[in-house]
Protein backbone atom coordinates (compact mmCIF):
# COMPACT_ATOMS: atom_id res chain seq x y z
CA UNK A 1 -0.10 0.20 0.02
CA UNK A 2 2.90 2.26 0.69
CA UNK A 3 4.20 1.79 -2.85
CA UNK A 4 0.80 2.63 -4.44
CA UNK A 5 0.59 5.92 -2.45
CA UNK A 6 4.22 6.88 -3.23
CA UNK A 7 3.21 6.21 -7.05
CA UNK A 8 0.14 8.11 -6.82
CA UNK A 9 1.58 11.15 -5.11
CA UNK A 10 4.81 11.10 -7.33
CA UNK A 11 2.29 11.32 -10.57
CA UNK A 12 0.09 14.07 -8.74
CA UNK A 13 3.29 16.10 -8.14
CA UNK A 14 4.68 15.32 -11.51
CA UNK A 15 1.25 16.61 -13.23
CA UNK A 16 1.51 19.85 -10.99
CA UNK A 17 5.47 20.63 -12.16
CA UNK A 18 3.91 19.75 -16.15
CA UNK A 19 1.00 21.83 -15.72
CA UNK A 20 2.09 24.89 -13.56
CA UNK A 21 5.51 24.39 -14.86
CA UNK A 22 4.21 26.10 -18.20
CA UNK A 23 2.76 29.07 -16.33
CA UNK A 24 6.14 29.40 -14.72
CA UNK A 25 7.68 29.18 -18.05
CA UNK A 26 5.34 31.62 -19.53
CA UNK A 27 6.49 34.14 -16.85
CA UNK A 28 10.09 33.53 -17.60
CA UNK A 29 9.46 34.11 -21.32
CA UNK A 30 7.28 37.23 -20.57
CA UNK A 31 10.22 38.61 -18.34
CA UNK A 32 12.91 38.47 -20.92
CA UNK A 33 11.36 38.23 -24.45
CA UNK A 34 8.17 39.87 -24.70
CA UNK A 35 8.54 43.53 -25.81
CA UNK A 36 5.28 44.74 -27.33
CA UNK A 37 2.24 45.16 -25.37
CA UNK A 38 0.21 42.63 -27.72
CA UNK A 39 2.81 40.15 -26.86
CA UNK A 40 3.11 40.84 -23.04
CA UNK A 41 -1.05 40.69 -23.03
CA UNK A 42 -1.45 37.42 -24.66
CA UNK A 43 1.73 35.47 -22.82
CA UNK A 44 0.23 36.77 -19.79
CA UNK A 45 -3.19 35.14 -20.89
CA UNK A 46 -1.63 32.00 -21.81
CA UNK A 47 -0.83 31.69 -17.98
CA UNK A 48 -3.50 33.52 -16.46
CA UNK A 49 -6.39 31.39 -17.49
CA UNK A 50 -4.90 28.12 -16.41
CA UNK A 51 -2.77 28.93 -13.31
CA UNK A 52 -5.43 28.44 -10.68
CA UNK A 53 -6.75 25.06 -11.82
CA UNK A 54 -2.93 23.77 -12.20
CA UNK A 55 -2.39 24.67 -8.73
CA UNK A 56 -5.15 22.19 -7.61
CA UNK A 57 -2.59 19.58 -8.14
CA UNK A 58 -0.15 21.01 -5.69
CA UNK A 59 -2.99 21.18 -3.23
CA UNK A 60 -3.95 17.48 -4.00
CA UNK A 61 -0.40 16.11 -3.64
CA UNK A 62 0.21 18.14 -0.47
CA UNK A 63 -2.95 16.58 1.05
CA UNK A 64 -2.11 13.03 -0.22
CA UNK A 65 1.24 13.59 1.49
CA UNK A 66 0.08 14.48 4.54
CA UNK A 67 -2.66 11.54 4.55
CA UNK A 68 -0.12 8.69 3.57
CA UNK A 69 3.41 9.89 4.85
CA UNK A 70 2.63 12.14 7.74
CA UNK A 71 6.20 11.75 9.34
CA UNK A 72 7.74 12.92 6.09
CA UNK A 73 5.11 15.76 5.91
CA UNK A 74 5.97 16.97 9.22
CA UNK A 75 9.81 16.60 8.79
CA UNK A 76 10.26 18.31 5.46
CA UNK A 77 7.61 21.29 6.24
CA UNK A 78 9.67 21.88 9.29
CA UNK A 79 13.08 21.40 8.06
CA UNK A 80 12.28 23.46 4.85
CA UNK A 81 10.37 26.02 6.45
CA UNK A 82 12.11 29.18 5.17
CA UNK A 83 12.21 28.20 1.32
CA UNK A 84 8.65 27.12 1.71
CA UNK A 85 7.42 30.20 2.95
CA UNK A 86 9.29 32.20 0.20
CA UNK A 87 7.75 29.80 -2.29
CA UNK A 88 4.03 30.66 -0.55
CA UNK A 89 4.89 34.51 -1.17
CA UNK A 90 6.17 33.95 -4.83
CA UNK A 91 3.01 31.72 -5.48
CA UNK A 92 0.72 34.71 -4.08
CA UNK A 93 2.90 37.73 -5.73
CA UNK A 94 2.62 35.72 -9.25
CA UNK A 95 -0.99 35.42 -9.01
CA UNK A 96 -1.36 39.08 -8.01
CA UNK A 97 1.02 39.94 -10.86
CA UNK A 98 -1.56 38.13 -13.37
CA UNK A 99 -4.57 39.44 -12.08
CA UNK A 100 -3.80 43.06 -11.42
CA UNK A 101 -2.07 44.05 -14.64
CA UNK A 102 -5.02 44.37 -16.70
CA UNK A 103 -7.09 46.07 -13.92
CA UNK A 104 -5.74 49.78 -15.45
CA UNK A 105 -4.99 50.66 -18.67
CA UNK A 106 -1.75 52.37 -17.97
CA UNK A 107 2.00 51.60 -19.14
CA UNK A 108 3.57 51.85 -15.45
CA UNK A 109 0.85 49.87 -13.71
CA UNK A 110 1.29 47.21 -16.18
CA UNK A 111 5.02 47.16 -16.05
CA UNK A 112 5.01 46.93 -12.23
CA UNK A 113 2.70 43.93 -12.55
CA UNK A 114 4.35 42.25 -15.26
CA UNK A 115 7.80 42.60 -13.50
CA UNK A 116 6.57 41.13 -10.49
CA UNK A 117 4.77 38.11 -12.57
CA UNK A 118 8.09 37.41 -14.45
CA UNK A 119 10.41 37.53 -11.28
CA UNK A 120 8.18 35.40 -9.25
CA UNK A 121 7.76 32.82 -11.91
CA UNK A 122 11.72 32.71 -12.43
CA UNK A 123 12.31 32.34 -8.76
CA UNK A 124 9.40 29.79 -8.26
CA UNK A 125 11.20 27.63 -11.08
CA UNK A 126 14.47 28.37 -9.15
CA UNK A 127 13.21 27.39 -5.80
CA UNK A 128 11.43 24.03 -6.67
CA UNK A 129 14.70 23.04 -8.40
CA UNK A 130 16.70 24.05 -5.55
CA UNK A 131 14.09 21.89 -3.25
CA UNK A 132 14.53 18.77 -5.59
CA UNK A 133 18.46 19.18 -5.30
CA UNK A 134 18.15 19.26 -1.35
CA UNK A 135 16.03 15.92 -1.55
CA UNK A 136 18.49 14.22 -3.82
CA UNK A 137 21.56 15.91 -1.78
CA UNK A 138 20.27 14.70 1.60
CA UNK A 139 19.97 16.66 4.89
CA UNK A 140 21.46 16.11 8.34
CA UNK A 141 18.52 14.31 9.87
CA UNK A 142 18.20 14.67 13.82
CA UNK A 143 20.79 17.89 13.30
CA UNK A 144 23.52 15.62 14.67
CA UNK A 145 26.60 17.58 16.16
CA UNK A 146 29.49 15.69 17.75
CA UNK A 147 27.69 12.39 17.13
CA UNK A 148 24.74 13.36 19.22
CA UNK A 149 21.26 14.34 17.34
CA UNK A 150 19.95 17.73 18.51
CA UNK A 151 16.45 16.95 17.25
CA UNK A 152 14.42 13.63 17.18
CA UNK A 153 15.78 11.69 14.24
CA UNK A 154 13.43 12.50 11.61
CA UNK A 155 13.59 16.17 12.14
CA UNK A 156 16.01 18.91 10.71
CA UNK A 157 16.35 22.38 10.10
CA UNK A 158 18.13 24.02 7.34
CA UNK A 159 19.10 27.86 6.86
CA UNK A 160 19.07 29.47 3.52
CA UNK A 161 22.71 28.88 2.99
CA UNK A 162 25.83 27.70 4.93
CA UNK A 163 29.10 30.02 4.98
CA UNK A 164 31.01 27.13 3.02
CA UNK A 165 28.19 27.11 0.38
CA UNK A 166 28.99 23.23 0.06
CA UNK A 167 26.73 20.17 0.08
CA UNK A 168 29.74 18.35 1.66
CA UNK A 169 29.44 20.19 4.98
CA UNK A 170 27.99 18.68 7.96
CA UNK A 171 25.24 21.59 8.14
CA UNK A 172 24.47 22.56 4.51
CA UNK A 173 21.99 25.07 3.82
CA UNK A 174 19.15 24.99 1.37
CA UNK A 175 21.20 26.62 -1.24
CA UNK A 176 24.63 25.43 -2.10
CA UNK A 177 26.43 25.12 -5.39
CA UNK A 178 25.05 21.64 -5.98
CA UNK A 179 21.36 22.47 -5.34
CA UNK A 180 21.79 25.87 -7.22
CA UNK A 181 22.81 23.74 -10.34
CA UNK A 182 19.53 21.99 -9.90
CA UNK A 183 17.88 25.00 -9.55
CA UNK A 184 19.20 26.67 -12.66
CA UNK A 185 18.28 23.13 -14.67
CA UNK A 186 14.67 23.76 -13.50
CA UNK A 187 14.65 27.21 -14.58
CA UNK A 188 15.90 26.39 -18.19
CA UNK A 189 13.48 23.35 -18.44
CA UNK A 190 10.49 25.41 -17.62
CA UNK A 191 11.45 28.16 -19.69
CA UNK A 192 11.57 25.89 -22.60
CA UNK A 193 8.37 24.34 -21.60
CA UNK A 194 6.69 27.67 -21.06
CA UNK A 195 7.95 28.49 -24.55
CA UNK A 196 6.43 25.69 -26.24
CA UNK A 197 3.08 26.32 -24.28
CA UNK A 198 3.15 29.78 -25.82
CA UNK A 199 3.70 28.63 -29.28
CA UNK A 200 0.91 26.01 -28.78
CA UNK A 201 -1.77 28.28 -27.30
CA UNK A 202 -0.98 31.80 -28.77
CA UNK A 203 -0.28 33.49 -32.20
CA UNK A 204 2.20 35.59 -30.29
CA UNK A 205 4.65 37.65 -32.78
CA UNK A 206 7.58 35.87 -31.30
CA UNK A 207 6.61 32.30 -32.00
CA UNK A 208 9.20 31.59 -34.52
CA UNK A 209 11.74 33.34 -32.42
CA UNK A 210 10.78 31.35 -29.40
CA UNK A 211 11.72 28.29 -31.55
CA UNK A 212 15.22 29.32 -31.85
CA UNK A 213 15.21 30.00 -28.01
CA UNK A 214 14.11 26.57 -27.33
CA UNK A 215 17.03 25.00 -29.30
CA UNK A 216 19.58 27.51 -27.51
CA UNK A 217 18.37 26.61 -24.12
CA UNK A 218 18.24 22.78 -25.10
CA UNK A 219 22.07 22.96 -25.52
CA UNK A 220 22.47 24.76 -22.18
CA UNK A 221 20.19 21.91 -20.73
CA UNK A 222 22.49 19.25 -22.06
CA UNK A 223 25.60 20.73 -20.71
CA UNK A 224 23.99 21.34 -17.44
CA UNK A 225 22.81 17.82 -17.13
CA UNK A 226 26.08 16.65 -17.71
CA UNK A 227 27.46 18.94 -15.05
CA UNK A 228 24.76 18.04 -12.59
CA UNK A 229 25.48 14.30 -13.05
CA UNK A 230 29.26 14.74 -12.40
CA UNK A 231 28.61 16.80 -9.39
CA UNK A 232 26.04 14.40 -7.94
CA UNK A 233 28.32 11.39 -8.71
CA UNK A 234 31.07 13.37 -6.55
CA UNK A 235 28.92 14.19 -3.70
CA UNK A 236 27.45 10.46 -3.55
CA UNK A 237 29.58 7.91 -5.32
CA UNK A 238 26.60 5.39 -5.30
CA UNK A 239 24.21 7.89 -6.77
CA UNK A 240 23.38 5.86 -9.30
CA UNK A 241 23.58 2.44 -8.15
CA UNK A 242 19.66 1.99 -7.97
CA UNK A 243 19.77 2.06 -12.00
CA UNK A 244 22.23 -1.03 -11.91
CA UNK A 245 20.58 -2.88 -9.37
CA UNK A 246 16.91 -2.25 -10.89
CA UNK A 247 17.58 -2.01 -14.48
CA UNK A 248 13.91 -1.51 -15.15
CA UNK A 249 14.05 1.76 -13.53
CA UNK A 250 16.31 3.21 -16.64
CA UNK A 251 13.12 3.87 -18.47
CA UNK A 252 12.71 7.07 -16.55
CA UNK A 253 16.03 8.58 -17.53
CA UNK A 254 15.35 7.49 -21.05
CA UNK A 255 12.34 9.55 -20.89
CA UNK A 256 14.27 12.56 -19.95
CA UNK A 257 16.91 12.01 -22.83
CA UNK A 258 14.43 11.53 -25.42
CA UNK A 259 12.93 14.79 -24.66
CA UNK A 260 16.06 16.50 -24.98
CA UNK A 261 17.14 14.84 -28.07
CA UNK A 262 13.66 15.41 -29.56
CA UNK A 263 13.81 19.13 -28.84
CA UNK A 264 17.05 19.47 -30.87
CA UNK A 265 14.80 19.20 -33.91
CA UNK A 266 12.31 21.80 -32.59
CA UNK A 267 12.75 23.68 -36.04
CA UNK A 268 11.63 20.74 -38.24
CA UNK A 269 8.57 19.76 -35.84
CA UNK A 270 5.40 20.89 -37.74
CA UNK A 271 2.87 19.61 -34.99
CA UNK A 272 3.38 22.21 -32.07
CA UNK A 273 1.78 19.72 -29.84
CA UNK A 274 4.67 17.12 -30.36
CA UNK A 275 6.89 19.87 -29.02
CA UNK A 276 5.11 20.47 -25.93
CA UNK A 277 5.02 16.86 -25.29
CA UNK A 278 8.60 16.59 -25.55
CA UNK A 279 9.21 19.11 -22.83
CA UNK A 280 6.64 17.37 -20.85
CA UNK A 281 8.78 14.25 -21.23
CA UNK A 282 11.92 16.26 -19.94
CA UNK A 283 9.95 17.17 -16.74
CA UNK A 284 8.44 13.99 -16.02
CA UNK A 285 11.87 11.98 -16.87
CA UNK A 286 13.78 14.31 -14.70
CA UNK A 287 11.64 14.27 -11.59
CA UNK A 288 10.95 10.30 -11.64
CA UNK A 289 14.34 9.77 -12.34
CA UNK A 290 15.50 11.56 -9.31
CA UNK A 291 13.11 9.68 -7.24
CA UNK A 292 13.92 6.21 -8.85
CA UNK A 293 17.52 6.99 -7.94
CA UNK A 294 16.82 7.27 -4.36
CA UNK A 295 13.80 4.51 -4.22
CA UNK A 296 12.62 3.44 -1.60
CA UNK A 297 14.33 6.27 0.33
CA UNK A 298 12.63 9.70 -0.01
CA UNK A 299 14.85 11.93 2.06
CA UNK A 300 18.44 10.71 2.56
CA UNK A 301 20.31 11.22 5.68
CA UNK A 302 23.63 12.76 5.65
CA UNK A 303 24.99 11.04 8.94
CA UNK A 304 25.29 7.62 10.00
CA UNK A 305 23.46 8.14 13.33
CA UNK A 306 19.66 8.45 11.93
CA UNK A 307 18.28 6.46 9.17
CA UNK A 308 17.20 7.85 5.94
CA UNK A 309 13.58 8.51 5.67
CA UNK A 310 11.78 5.90 3.28
CA UNK A 311 8.19 5.43 2.22
CA UNK A 312 8.04 2.43 4.94
CA UNK A 313 9.18 4.21 8.19
CA UNK A 314 7.35 7.43 7.29
CA UNK A 315 4.06 6.04 6.42
CA UNK A 316 0.48 6.22 8.49
CA UNK A 317 -0.85 2.86 9.66
CA UNK A 318 -1.92 -0.09 7.15
CA UNK A 319 -5.60 0.89 8.47
CA UNK A 320 -5.29 4.30 7.69
CA UNK A 321 -3.74 3.84 4.24
CA UNK A 322 -6.54 1.03 3.37
CA UNK A 323 -9.21 3.56 4.39
CA UNK A 324 -7.85 6.47 2.47
CA UNK A 325 -7.38 4.13 -0.53
CA UNK A 326 -11.17 4.56 -1.76
CA UNK A 327 -11.30 8.12 -0.63
CA UNK A 328 -8.09 8.70 -2.67
CA UNK A 329 -9.82 6.86 -5.73
CA UNK A 330 -12.67 9.26 -5.69
CA UNK A 331 -10.37 12.56 -5.34
CA UNK A 332 -8.26 11.33 -8.19
CA UNK A 333 -11.37 10.89 -10.37
CA UNK A 334 -12.76 14.18 -9.47
CA UNK A 335 -9.40 15.48 -10.14
CA UNK A 336 -9.29 14.31 -13.63
CA UNK A 337 -12.88 15.33 -14.43
CA UNK A 338 -12.00 18.72 -13.23
CA UNK A 339 -8.71 18.86 -15.59
CA UNK A 340 -10.56 17.35 -18.72
CA UNK A 341 -13.43 20.02 -18.33
CA UNK A 342 -11.04 22.92 -18.20
CA UNK A 343 -8.71 22.03 -20.91
CA UNK A 344 -11.82 21.42 -23.20
CA UNK A 345 -13.33 24.74 -22.36
CA UNK A 346 -9.97 26.49 -23.11
CA UNK A 347 -8.78 24.31 -26.14
CA UNK A 348 -7.29 25.63 -29.00
CA UNK A 349 -5.51 29.11 -29.47
CA UNK A 350 -6.38 31.60 -26.69
CA UNK A 351 -5.44 34.88 -28.23
CA UNK A 352 -9.00 36.16 -28.44
CA UNK A 353 -10.35 34.74 -25.00
CA UNK A 354 -11.15 37.42 -22.31
CA UNK A 355 -9.09 37.34 -19.17
CA UNK A 356 -8.49 40.10 -16.64
CA UNK A 357 -10.80 42.77 -17.85
């Protein structure tokens, strides 16, 4: 039952990053590449019409995590308290930027909220990537100092950064050079994804330019992927051992690399939907590969005193998991229905749909 809930929650969070990920990416593109008011409005609309429904997946994932793995939920929400508060503020600021930009037709007013929308989208992508980097790297569970745990074995607390800025220190911060690499990868991936979404859903004047941008960003992503794998292997020489022990898990990095290779042919892809699916593959492949490399661990311990958190030692009781099974199915059905209805109502190009007026 633990494995069932692990897979379901992983899929729900992957759906969140695929769906809300193109909102973040649209914000990044809006910040750096949208120059005319027409492009700014339509790109903001490509995110604004969808962001609230997309974030339902985040709420659902958080609720399922609390229900199925309460110890893990308590651990990460206390340990990552500072970055989570920052993410909460950024989510609110991004929504405010989208909702407020068209309330008054003044260039200065729109410029303020456009900048807020773009910067908050960029930082959200960065911090979500940094969060994944922290989970992959591991944390000092129990806050061990001198061989003694300061907290209970499943608790920890991280500052935003440590003076050494190193992932190898006994007390690493949320941001170090390794997690920052993963954060930058997240920014690049979601910028690619957002650009594909804009091309798919709008007739923006920069659509053709965006294909060239996607190609260049894909080169950057390929280089960063090699750097991150080398850095990860340096931090943890056994980082990729799960894939040799369980060869079937190689399907996940394969999905990732197929997405990257496919986007090198972005200028030859005639169907914009296919390009969007390729960036979806990069996101899904990247997240699932990271989780597969750790399985069944979901938060590694960087000390030898307290054991890592796994899907088995952080789950609720067997009775709780079984009772939640039926309600979880009902919730997933409602979530999927909501997703299908919303996407059908917003199908096709959105240039002439009304938003924010």
